[in-house]
Amino acid sequence: MSRDIDWHVFDKAADITASAVRGAMGSEGSQPPTYVGEVFSEIYAALRKATDEMPSKDSKPGF
């Protein structure tokens, strides 16, 4: 995966994580801070797997 694409995947994972944990953090009895890290790790891994499975932009489409 190119560095440019990797940065976009990281950025998108951060956006999705922020949306996913909104409201679950900061109040009494909320999730611990490590929860955000765990959510981010899972989202980032899923996005990386999805981009690795995508065909290269240089390959011919196969129908």
Protein backbone atom coordinates (compact mmCIF):
# COMPACT_ATOMS: atom_id res chain seq x y z
CA MET A 1 0.00 0.00 0.00
CA SER A 2 1.41 3.37 -0.91
CA ARG A 3 2.15 5.89 1.78
CA ASP A 4 -0.44 8.32 0.38
CA ILE A 5 -3.22 5.73 0.50
CA ASP A 6 -2.10 4.62 3.97
CA TRP A 7 -2.47 8.21 5.21
CA HIS A 8 -6.01 8.42 3.81
CA VAL A 9 -6.92 5.13 5.50
CA PHE A 10 -5.54 6.41 8.81
CA ASP A 11 -7.45 9.69 8.46
CA LYS A 12 -10.72 7.90 7.63
CA ALA A 13 -10.24 5.52 10.57
CA ALA A 14 -9.80 8.53 12.88
CA ASP A 15 -13.02 10.10 11.53
CA ILE A 16 -15.01 6.90 11.94
CA THR A 17 -13.62 6.36 15.44
CA ALA A 18 -14.57 9.89 16.50
CA SER A 19 -18.11 9.32 15.26
CA ALA A 20 -18.34 5.89 16.86
CA VAL A 21 -17.29 6.94 20.37
CA ARG A 22 -19.08 10.28 20.47
CA GLY A 23 -21.26 10.29 23.56
CA ALA A 24 -19.53 7.28 25.08
CA MET A 25 -16.68 9.25 26.62
CA GLY A 26 -16.22 11.90 29.26
CA SER A 27 -19.11 11.40 31.62
CA GLU A 28 -19.13 9.58 34.91
CA GLY A 29 -19.29 5.84 34.39
CA SER A 30 -18.27 6.10 30.73
CA GLN A 31 -15.85 3.89 28.85
CA PRO A 32 -12.15 4.06 29.84
CA PRO A 33 -9.75 5.94 27.51
CA THR A 34 -8.32 2.66 26.24
CA TYR A 35 -11.71 1.97 24.64
CA VAL A 36 -11.04 4.62 21.98
CA GLY A 37 -7.71 2.97 21.16
CA GLU A 38 -9.34 -0.42 20.82
CA VAL A 39 -12.09 0.94 18.57
CA PHE A 40 -9.53 2.75 16.39
CA SER A 41 -7.36 -0.36 16.08
CA GLU A 42 -10.28 -2.48 14.92
CA ILE A 43 -11.53 0.12 12.43
CA TYR A 44 -8.03 0.76 11.05
CA ALA A 45 -7.38 -2.96 10.63
CA ALA A 46 -10.69 -3.44 8.81
CA LEU A 47 -10.02 -0.53 6.46
CA ARG A 48 -6.47 -1.76 5.76
CA LYS A 49 -7.79 -5.22 4.95
CA ALA A 50 -10.42 -3.76 2.62
CA THR A 51 -7.88 -1.61 0.76
CA ASP A 52 -5.46 -4.53 0.46
CA GLU A 53 -8.21 -6.59 -1.19
CA MET A 54 -9.04 -3.88 -3.72
CA PRO A 55 -7.59 -4.38 -7.19
CA SER A 56 -4.79 -2.12 -8.34
CA LYS A 57 -5.84 0.94 -10.31
CA ASP A 58 -3.51 -0.24 -13.10
CA SER A 59 -5.22 -3.60 -13.53
CA LYS A 60 -7.83 -4.23 -16.19
CA PRO A 61 -11.39 -4.72 -15.02
CA GLY A 62 -12.58 -8.28 -15.25
CA PHE A 63 -16.21 -8.96 -15.97
